[in-house]
């Protein structure tokens, strides 16, 4: 992947996604990642599902409705960003 391609993808990801860093007690990460893998999912997917459910619950709406709102907002972003931006 070229430098230009990476720069474009990085800019799109910055506009389309929020990044969350969370910490767990030492020794908990690997067993959790293994558990997720054994269930056919990822730690990121499980964390995202948890956050989606909690935020939807706090707003009194279904998670699917919140996800639809978020997708609609994200879909308003351009598919590809110009390198010059």
PDB file of N, CA and C in Angstrom:
ATOM      1  N   UNK A   1       0.855  -1.167   0.000  1.00  0.00           N
ATOM      2  CA  UNK A   1       0.000   0.000   0.000  1.00  0.00           C
ATOM      3  C   UNK A   1       0.906   1.236   0.000  1.00  0.00           C
ATOM      4  N   UNK A   2       0.626   2.147  -0.915  1.00  0.00           N
ATOM      5  CA  UNK A   2       1.441   3.349  -1.024  1.00  0.00           C
ATOM      6  C   UNK A   2       1.139   4.355   0.061  1.00  0.00           C
ATOM      7  N   UNK A   3       2.010   5.318   0.178  1.00  0.00           N
ATOM      8  CA  UNK A   3       1.864   6.359   1.197  1.00  0.00           C
ATOM      9  C   UNK A   3       0.590   7.158   0.984  1.00  0.00           C
ATOM     10  N   UNK A   4       0.281   7.478  -0.292  1.00  0.00           N
ATOM     11  CA  UNK A   4      -0.918   8.251  -0.600  1.00  0.00           C
ATOM     12  C   UNK A   4      -2.166   7.481  -0.194  1.00  0.00           C
ATOM     13  N   UNK A   5      -2.226   6.208  -0.525  1.00  0.00           N
ATOM     14  CA  UNK A   5      -3.376   5.382  -0.191  1.00  0.00           C
ATOM     15  C   UNK A   5      -3.577   5.313   1.326  1.00  0.00           C
ATOM     16  N   UNK A   6      -2.503   5.134   2.053  1.00  0.00           N
ATOM     17  CA  UNK A   6      -2.590   5.082   3.516  1.00  0.00           C
ATOM     18  C   UNK A   6      -3.074   6.400   4.091  1.00  0.00           C
ATOM     19  N   UNK A   7      -2.591   7.498   3.544  1.00  0.00           N
ATOM     20  CA  UNK A   7      -2.998   8.821   4.041  1.00  0.00           C
ATOM     21  C   UNK A   7      -4.484   9.033   3.819  1.00  0.00           C
ATOM     22  N   UNK A   8      -4.979   8.638   2.665  1.00  0.00           N
ATOM     23  CA  UNK A   8      -6.409   8.796   2.359  1.00  0.00           C
ATOM     24  C   UNK A   8      -7.243   7.944   3.299  1.00  0.00           C
ATOM     25  N   UNK A   9      -6.844   6.695   3.496  1.00  0.00           N
ATOM     26  CA  UNK A   9      -7.584   5.803   4.395  1.00  0.00           C
ATOM     27  C   UNK A   9      -7.549   6.310   5.829  1.00  0.00           C
ATOM     28  N   UNK A  10      -6.409   6.807   6.254  1.00  0.00           N
ATOM     29  CA  UNK A  10      -6.301   7.333   7.619  1.00  0.00           C
ATOM     30  C   UNK A  10      -7.217   8.533   7.820  1.00  0.00           C
ATOM     31  N   UNK A  11      -7.275   9.423   6.833  1.00  0.00           N
ATOM     32  CA  UNK A  11      -8.164  10.579   6.947  1.00  0.00           C
ATOM     33  C   UNK A  11      -9.628  10.159   6.977  1.00  0.00           C
ATOM     34  N   UNK A  12      -9.993   9.196   6.138  1.00  0.00           N
ATOM     35  CA  UNK A  12     -11.376   8.712   6.139  1.00  0.00           C
ATOM     36  C   UNK A  12     -11.712   8.081   7.490  1.00  0.00           C
ATOM     37  N   UNK A  13     -10.833   7.221   7.990  1.00  0.00           N
ATOM     38  CA  UNK A  13     -11.096   6.584   9.279  1.00  0.00           C
ATOM     39  C   UNK A  13     -11.234   7.608  10.389  1.00  0.00           C
ATOM     40  N   UNK A  14     -10.440   8.656  10.338  1.00  0.00           N
ATOM     41  CA  UNK A  14     -10.521   9.698  11.363  1.00  0.00           C
ATOM     42  C   UNK A  14     -11.869  10.408  11.321  1.00  0.00           C
ATOM     43  N   UNK A  15     -12.418  10.600  10.109  1.00  0.00           N
ATOM     44  CA  UNK A  15     -13.720  11.254   9.977  1.00  0.00           C
ATOM     45  C   UNK A  15     -14.879  10.308  10.260  1.00  0.00           C
ATOM     46  N   UNK A  16     -14.728   9.027   9.948  1.00  0.00           N
ATOM     47  CA  UNK A  16     -15.839   8.080  10.023  1.00  0.00           C
ATOM     48  C   UNK A  16     -15.939   7.340  11.353  1.00  0.00           C
ATOM     49  N   UNK A  17     -14.850   7.266  12.101  1.00  0.00           N
ATOM     50  CA  UNK A  17     -14.834   6.450  13.312  1.00  0.00           C
ATOM     51  C   UNK A  17     -14.238   7.209  14.487  1.00  0.00           C
ATOM     52  N   UNK A  18     -14.721   6.881  15.674  1.00  0.00           N
ATOM     53  CA  UNK A  18     -14.098   7.337  16.910  1.00  0.00           C
ATOM     54  C   UNK A  18     -13.218   6.205  17.410  1.00  0.00           C
ATOM     55  N   UNK A  19     -12.154   6.560  18.074  1.00  0.00           N
ATOM     56  CA  UNK A  19     -11.247   5.565  18.617  1.00  0.00           C
ATOM     57  C   UNK A  19     -11.317   5.629  20.136  1.00  0.00           C
ATOM     58  N   UNK A  20     -11.426   4.456  20.765  1.00  0.00           N
ATOM     59  CA  UNK A  20     -11.508   4.364  22.217  1.00  0.00           C
ATOM     60  C   UNK A  20     -10.419   3.413  22.696  1.00  0.00           C
ATOM     61  N   UNK A  21      -9.647   3.858  23.652  1.00  0.00           N
ATOM     62  CA  UNK A  21      -8.638   3.007  24.270  1.00  0.00           C
ATOM     63  C   UNK A  21      -9.130   2.664  25.666  1.00  0.00           C
ATOM     64  N   UNK A  22      -9.134   1.402  25.988  1.00  0.00           N
ATOM     65  CA  UNK A  22      -9.495   1.051  27.355  1.00  0.00           C
ATOM     66  C   UNK A  22      -8.485   0.052  27.892  1.00  0.00           C
ATOM     67  N   UNK A  23      -8.339   0.052  29.175  1.00  0.00           N
ATOM     68  CA  UNK A  23      -7.350  -0.798  29.826  1.00  0.00           C
ATOM     69  C   UNK A  23      -8.068  -1.823  30.704  1.00  0.00           C
ATOM     70  N   UNK A  24      -7.469  -2.989  30.766  1.00  0.00           N
ATOM     71  CA  UNK A  24      -7.971  -4.062  31.626  1.00  0.00           C
ATOM     72  C   UNK A  24      -6.818  -4.514  32.515  1.00  0.00           C
ATOM     73  N   UNK A  25      -7.140  -5.139  33.638  1.00  0.00           N
ATOM     74  CA  UNK A  25      -6.071  -5.612  34.518  1.00  0.00           C
ATOM     75  C   UNK A  25      -5.126  -6.565  33.778  1.00  0.00           C
ATOM     76  N   UNK A  26      -3.858  -6.493  34.131  1.00  0.00           N
ATOM     77  CA  UNK A  26      -2.822  -7.343  33.549  1.00  0.00           C
ATOM     78  C   UNK A  26      -3.273  -8.797  33.605  1.00  0.00           C
ATOM     79  N   UNK A  27      -3.118  -9.494  32.505  1.00  0.00           N
ATOM     80  CA  UNK A  27      -3.484 -10.902  32.436  1.00  0.00           C
ATOM     81  C   UNK A  27      -4.897 -11.158  31.959  1.00  0.00           C
ATOM     82  N   UNK A  28      -5.704 -10.133  31.771  1.00  0.00           N
ATOM     83  CA  UNK A  28      -7.101 -10.309  31.355  1.00  0.00           C
ATOM     84  C   UNK A  28      -7.264 -10.213  29.837  1.00  0.00           C
ATOM     85  N   UNK A  29      -6.390  -9.486  29.173  1.00  0.00           N
ATOM     86  CA  UNK A  29      -6.533  -9.256  27.733  1.00  0.00           C
ATOM     87  C   UNK A  29      -6.487 -10.559  26.929  1.00  0.00           C
ATOM     88  N   UNK A  30      -5.456 -11.323  27.099  1.00  0.00           N
ATOM     89  CA  UNK A  30      -5.285 -12.528  26.277  1.00  0.00           C
ATOM     90  C   UNK A  30      -6.395 -13.556  26.483  1.00  0.00           C
ATOM     91  N   UNK A  31      -6.791 -13.854  27.726  1.00  0.00           N
ATOM     92  CA  UNK A  31      -7.915 -14.791  27.890  1.00  0.00           C
ATOM     93  C   UNK A  31      -9.204 -14.263  27.258  1.00  0.00           C
ATOM     94  N   UNK A  32      -9.426 -12.945  27.338  1.00  0.00           N
ATOM     95  CA  UNK A  32     -10.638 -12.378  26.738  1.00  0.00           C
ATOM     96  C   UNK A  32     -10.587 -12.480  25.217  1.00  0.00           C
ATOM     97  N   UNK A  33      -9.417 -12.175  24.631  1.00  0.00           N
ATOM     98  CA  UNK A  33      -9.276 -12.298  23.186  1.00  0.00           C
ATOM     99  C   UNK A  33      -9.476 -13.748  22.749  1.00  0.00           C
ATOM    100  N   UNK A  34      -8.960 -14.689  23.522  1.00  0.00           N
ATOM    101  CA  UNK A  34      -9.120 -16.110  23.205  1.00  0.00           C
ATOM    102  C   UNK A  34     -10.589 -16.524  23.312  1.00  0.00           C
ATOM    103  N   UNK A  35     -11.269 -16.048  24.333  1.00  0.00           N
ATOM    104  CA  UNK A  35     -12.696 -16.335  24.496  1.00  0.00           C
ATOM    105  C   UNK A  35     -13.487 -15.818  23.303  1.00  0.00           C
ATOM    106  N   UNK A  36     -13.216 -14.579  22.911  1.00  0.00           N
ATOM    107  CA  UNK A  36     -13.903 -13.995  21.759  1.00  0.00           C
ATOM    108  C   UNK A  36     -13.630 -14.822  20.504  1.00  0.00           C
ATOM    109  N   UNK A  37     -12.372 -15.196  20.295  1.00  0.00           N
ATOM    110  CA  UNK A  37     -12.011 -15.984  19.115  1.00  0.00           C
ATOM    111  C   UNK A  37     -12.741 -17.327  19.116  1.00  0.00           C
ATOM    112  N   UNK A  38     -12.847 -17.950  20.282  1.00  0.00           N
ATOM    113  CA  UNK A  38     -13.531 -19.251  20.370  1.00  0.00           C
ATOM    114  C   UNK A  38     -15.022 -19.121  20.070  1.00  0.00           C
ATOM    115  N   UNK A  39     -15.553 -17.913  20.251  1.00  0.00           N
ATOM    116  CA  UNK A  39     -16.968 -17.649  19.954  1.00  0.00           C
ATOM    117  C   UNK A  39     -17.156 -17.044  18.567  1.00  0.00           C
ATOM    118  N   UNK A  40     -16.054 -16.935  17.810  1.00  0.00           N
ATOM    119  CA  UNK A  40     -16.143 -16.434  16.442  1.00  0.00           C
ATOM    120  C   UNK A  40     -16.322 -14.932  16.332  1.00  0.00           C
ATOM    121  N   UNK A  41     -15.843 -14.205  17.320  1.00  0.00           N
ATOM    122  CA  UNK A  41     -15.963 -12.749  17.306  1.00  0.00           C
ATOM    123  C   UNK A  41     -14.617 -12.145  17.710  1.00  0.00           C
ATOM    124  N   UNK A  42     -14.591 -10.833  17.872  1.00  0.00           N
ATOM    125  CA  UNK A  42     -13.367 -10.159  18.304  1.00  0.00           C
ATOM    126  C   UNK A  42     -13.666  -9.320  19.532  1.00  0.00           C
ATOM    127  N   UNK A  43     -12.606  -8.958  20.240  1.00  0.00           N
ATOM    128  CA  UNK A  43     -12.776  -8.084  21.406  1.00  0.00           C
ATOM    129  C   UNK A  43     -13.375  -6.752  20.970  1.00  0.00           C
ATOM    130  N   UNK A  44     -12.933  -6.239  19.824  1.00  0.00           N
ATOM    131  CA  UNK A  44     -13.465  -4.975  19.324  1.00  0.00           C
ATOM    132  C   UNK A  44     -14.960  -5.081  19.032  1.00  0.00           C
ATOM    133  N   UNK A  45     -15.382  -6.174  18.401  1.00  0.00           N
ATOM    134  CA  UNK A  45     -16.801  -6.355  18.083  1.00  0.00           C
ATOM    135  C   UNK A  45     -17.640  -6.435  19.356  1.00  0.00           C
ATOM    136  N   UNK A  46     -17.145  -7.144  20.350  1.00  0.00           N
ATOM    137  CA  UNK A  46     -17.878  -7.264  21.609  1.00  0.00           C
ATOM    138  C   UNK A  46     -17.958  -5.923  22.342  1.00  0.00           C
ATOM    139  N   UNK A  47     -16.869  -5.187  22.346  1.00  0.00           N
ATOM    140  CA  UNK A  47     -16.861  -3.874  22.985  1.00  0.00           C
ATOM    141  C   UNK A  47     -17.832  -2.935  22.266  1.00  0.00           C
ATOM    142  N   UNK A  48     -17.802  -2.955  20.940  1.00  0.00           N
ATOM    143  CA  UNK A  48     -18.701  -2.109  20.155  1.00  0.00           C
ATOM    144  C   UNK A  48     -20.156  -2.461  20.437  1.00  0.00           C
ATOM    145  N   UNK A  49     -20.461  -3.748  20.497  1.00  0.00           N
ATOM    146  CA  UNK A  49     -21.832  -4.183  20.780  1.00  0.00           C
ATOM    147  C   UNK A  49     -22.273  -3.709  22.162  1.00  0.00           C
ATOM    148  N   UNK A  50     -21.396  -3.824  23.143  1.00  0.00           N
ATOM    149  CA  UNK A  50     -21.705  -3.385  24.501  1.00  0.00           C
ATOM    150  C   UNK A  50     -21.997  -1.882  24.535  1.00  0.00           C
ATOM    151  N   UNK A  51     -21.126  -1.095  23.907  1.00  0.00           N
ATOM    152  CA  UNK A  51     -21.305   0.363  23.903  1.00  0.00           C
ATOM    153  C   UNK A  51     -22.598   0.727  23.173  1.00  0.00           C
ATOM    154  N   UNK A  52     -22.853   0.105  22.046  1.00  0.00           N
ATOM    155  CA  UNK A  52     -24.082   0.373  21.290  1.00  0.00           C
ATOM    156  C   UNK A  52     -25.319   0.097  22.142  1.00  0.00           C
ATOM    157  N   UNK A  53     -25.338  -1.033  22.824  1.00  0.00           N
ATOM    158  CA  UNK A  53     -26.486  -1.372  23.673  1.00  0.00           C
ATOM    159  C   UNK A  53     -26.665  -0.400  24.826  1.00  0.00           C
ATOM    160  N   UNK A  54     -25.567  -0.019  25.468  1.00  0.00           N
ATOM    161  CA  UNK A  54     -25.661   0.906  26.609  1.00  0.00           C
ATOM    162  C   UNK A  54     -26.141   2.291  26.182  1.00  0.00           C
ATOM    163  N   UNK A  55     -25.601   2.807  25.063  1.00  0.00           N
ATOM    164  CA  UNK A  55     -26.009   4.131  24.602  1.00  0.00           C
ATOM    165  C   UNK A  55     -27.469   4.097  24.159  1.00  0.00           C
ATOM    166  N   UNK A  56     -27.871   3.061  23.452  1.00  0.00           N
ATOM    167  CA  UNK A  56     -29.267   2.936  23.024  1.00  0.00           C
ATOM    168  C   UNK A  56     -30.193   2.881  24.242  1.00  0.00           C
ATOM    169  N   UNK A  57     -29.807   2.104  25.235  1.00  0.00           N
ATOM    170  CA  UNK A  57     -30.607   1.993  26.458  1.00  0.00           C
ATOM    171  C   UNK A  57     -30.735   3.354  27.147  1.00  0.00           C
ATOM    172  N   UNK A  58     -29.650   4.104  27.193  1.00  0.00           N
ATOM    173  CA  UNK A  58     -29.691   5.412  27.869  1.00  0.00           C
ATOM    174  C   UNK A  58     -30.585   6.398  27.120  1.00  0.00           C
ATOM    175  N   UNK A  59     -30.764   6.198  25.819  1.00  0.00           N
ATOM    176  CA  UNK A  59     -31.623   7.075  25.012  1.00  0.00           C
ATOM    177  C   UNK A  59     -33.041   6.541  24.880  1.00  0.00           C
ATOM    178  N   UNK A  60     -33.271   5.349  25.423  1.00  0.00           N
ATOM    179  CA  UNK A  60     -34.600   4.760  25.368  1.00  0.00           C
ATOM    180  C   UNK A  60     -35.001   4.294  23.974  1.00  0.00           C
ATOM    181  N   UNK A  61     -34.020   3.890  23.174  1.00  0.00           N
ATOM    182  CA  UNK A  61     -34.307   3.385  21.830  1.00  0.00           C
ATOM    183  C   UNK A  61     -33.659   2.019  21.649  1.00  0.00           C
ATOM    184  N   UNK A  62     -34.097   1.336  20.624  1.00  0.00           N
ATOM    185  CA  UNK A  62     -33.524   0.030  20.307  1.00  0.00           C
ATOM    186  C   UNK A  62     -32.119   0.206  19.723  1.00  0.00           C
ATOM    187  N   UNK A  63     -31.217  -0.738  19.998  1.00  0.00           N
ATOM    188  CA  UNK A  63     -29.881  -0.655  19.418  1.00  0.00           C
ATOM    189  C   UNK A  63     -29.897  -0.557  17.891  1.00  0.00           C
ATOM    190  N   UNK A  64     -30.832  -1.253  17.247  1.00  0.00           N
ATOM    191  CA  UNK A  64     -30.906  -1.202  15.784  1.00  0.00           C
ATOM    192  C   UNK A  64     -31.252   0.200  15.292  1.00  0.00           C
ATOM    193  N   UNK A  65     -32.088   0.923  16.045  1.00  0.00           N
ATOM    194  CA  UNK A  65     -32.445   2.294  15.662  1.00  0.00           C
ATOM    195  C   UNK A  65     -31.236   3.216  15.812  1.00  0.00           C
ATOM    196  N   UNK A  66     -30.483   3.042  16.885  1.00  0.00           N
ATOM    197  CA  UNK A  66     -29.281   3.849  17.081  1.00  0.00           C
ATOM    198  C   UNK A  66     -28.263   3.551  15.990  1.00  0.00           C
ATOM    199  N   UNK A  67     -28.088   2.279  15.668  1.00  0.00           N
ATOM    200  CA  UNK A  67     -27.146   1.902  14.620  1.00  0.00           C
ATOM    201  C   UNK A  67     -27.553   2.507  13.278  1.00  0.00           C
ATOM    202  N   UNK A  68     -28.845   2.518  12.996  1.00  0.00           N
ATOM    203  CA  UNK A  68     -29.328   3.130  11.751  1.00  0.00           C
ATOM    204  C   UNK A  68     -29.013   4.618  11.717  1.00  0.00           C
ATOM    205  N   UNK A  69     -29.202   5.301  12.841  1.00  0.00           N
ATOM    206  CA  UNK A  69     -28.886   6.734  12.914  1.00  0.00           C
ATOM    207  C   UNK A  69     -27.396   6.967  12.666  1.00  0.00           C
ATOM    208  N   UNK A  70     -26.564   6.163  13.305  1.00  0.00           N
ATOM    209  CA  UNK A  70     -25.116   6.321  13.158  1.00  0.00           C
ATOM    210  C   UNK A  70     -24.674   6.042  11.724  1.00  0.00           C
ATOM    211  N   UNK A  71     -25.247   5.010  11.106  1.00  0.00           N
ATOM    212  CA  UNK A  71     -24.897   4.680   9.729  1.00  0.00           C
ATOM    213  C   UNK A  71     -25.321   5.796   8.783  1.00  0.00           C
ATOM    214  N   UNK A  72     -26.497   6.376   9.018  1.00  0.00           N
ATOM    215  CA  UNK A  72     -26.964   7.470   8.164  1.00  0.00           C
ATOM    216  C   UNK A  72     -26.017   8.658   8.263  1.00  0.00           C
ATOM    217  N   UNK A  73     -25.555   8.970   9.459  1.00  0.00           N
ATOM    218  CA  UNK A  73     -24.599  10.065   9.629  1.00  0.00           C
ATOM    219  C   UNK A  73     -23.286   9.744   8.924  1.00  0.00           C
ATOM    220  N   UNK A  74     -22.839   8.514   9.049  1.00  0.00           N
ATOM    221  CA  UNK A  74     -21.576   8.117   8.426  1.00  0.00           C
ATOM    222  C   UNK A  74     -21.691   8.085   6.908  1.00  0.00           C
ATOM    223  N   UNK A  75     -22.847   7.674   6.405  1.00  0.00           N
ATOM    224  CA  UNK A  75     -23.034   7.584   4.958  1.00  0.00           C
ATOM    225  C   UNK A  75     -23.035   8.950   4.290  1.00  0.00           C
ATOM    226  N   UNK A  76     -23.178  10.002   5.054  1.00  0.00           N
ATOM    227  CA  UNK A  76     -23.112  11.346   4.498  1.00  0.00           C
ATOM    228  C   UNK A  76     -21.680  11.769   4.213  1.00  0.00           C
ATOM    229  N   UNK A  77     -20.716  10.984   4.660  1.00  0.00           N
ATOM    230  CA  UNK A  77     -19.315  11.279   4.384  1.00  0.00           C
ATOM    231  C   UNK A  77     -18.978  10.826   2.966  1.00  0.00           C
ATOM    232  N   UNK A  78     -18.052  11.502   2.324  1.00  0.00           N
ATOM    233  CA  UNK A  78     -17.659  11.070   0.980  1.00  0.00           C
ATOM    234  C   UNK A  78     -16.974   9.707   1.041  1.00  0.00           C
ATOM    235  N   UNK A  79     -17.191   8.906  -0.004  1.00  0.00           N
ATOM    236  CA  UNK A  79     -16.571   7.584  -0.069  1.00  0.00           C
ATOM    237  C   UNK A  79     -15.050   7.676  -0.058  1.00  0.00           C
ATOM    238  N   UNK A  80     -14.544   8.606  -0.832  1.00  0.00           N
ATOM    239  CA  UNK A  80     -13.094   8.754  -0.937  1.00  0.00           C
ATOM    240  C   UNK A  80     -12.748  10.223  -0.743  1.00  0.00           C
ATOM    241  N   UNK A  81     -11.761  10.459   0.032  1.00  0.00           N
ATOM    242  CA  UNK A  81     -11.337  11.820   0.297  1.00  0.00           C
ATOM    243  C   UNK A  81     -10.174  12.167  -0.599  1.00  0.00           C
ATOM    244  N   UNK A  82     -10.154  13.375  -1.123  1.00  0.00           N
ATOM    245  CA  UNK A  82      -9.037  13.840  -1.942  1.00  0.00           C
ATOM    246  C   UNK A  82      -7.759  13.894  -1.121  1.00  0.00           C
ATOM    247  N   UNK A  83      -6.673  13.561  -1.731  1.00  0.00           N
ATOM    248  CA  UNK A  83      -5.373  13.622  -1.071  1.00  0.00           C
ATOM    249  C   UNK A  83      -5.047  15.059  -0.705  1.00  0.00           C
ATOM    250  N   UNK A  84      -5.541  16.007  -1.474  1.00  0.00           N
ATOM    251  CA  UNK A  84      -5.213  17.418  -1.267  1.00  0.00           C
ATOM    252  C   UNK A  84      -5.914  18.019  -0.055  1.00  0.00           C
ATOM    253  N   UNK A  85      -6.912  17.347   0.479  1.00  0.00           N
ATOM    254  CA  UNK A  85      -7.659  17.940   1.598  1.00  0.00           C
ATOM    255  C   UNK A  85      -6.831  18.010   2.854  1.00  0.00           C
TER     256      UNK A  85
END
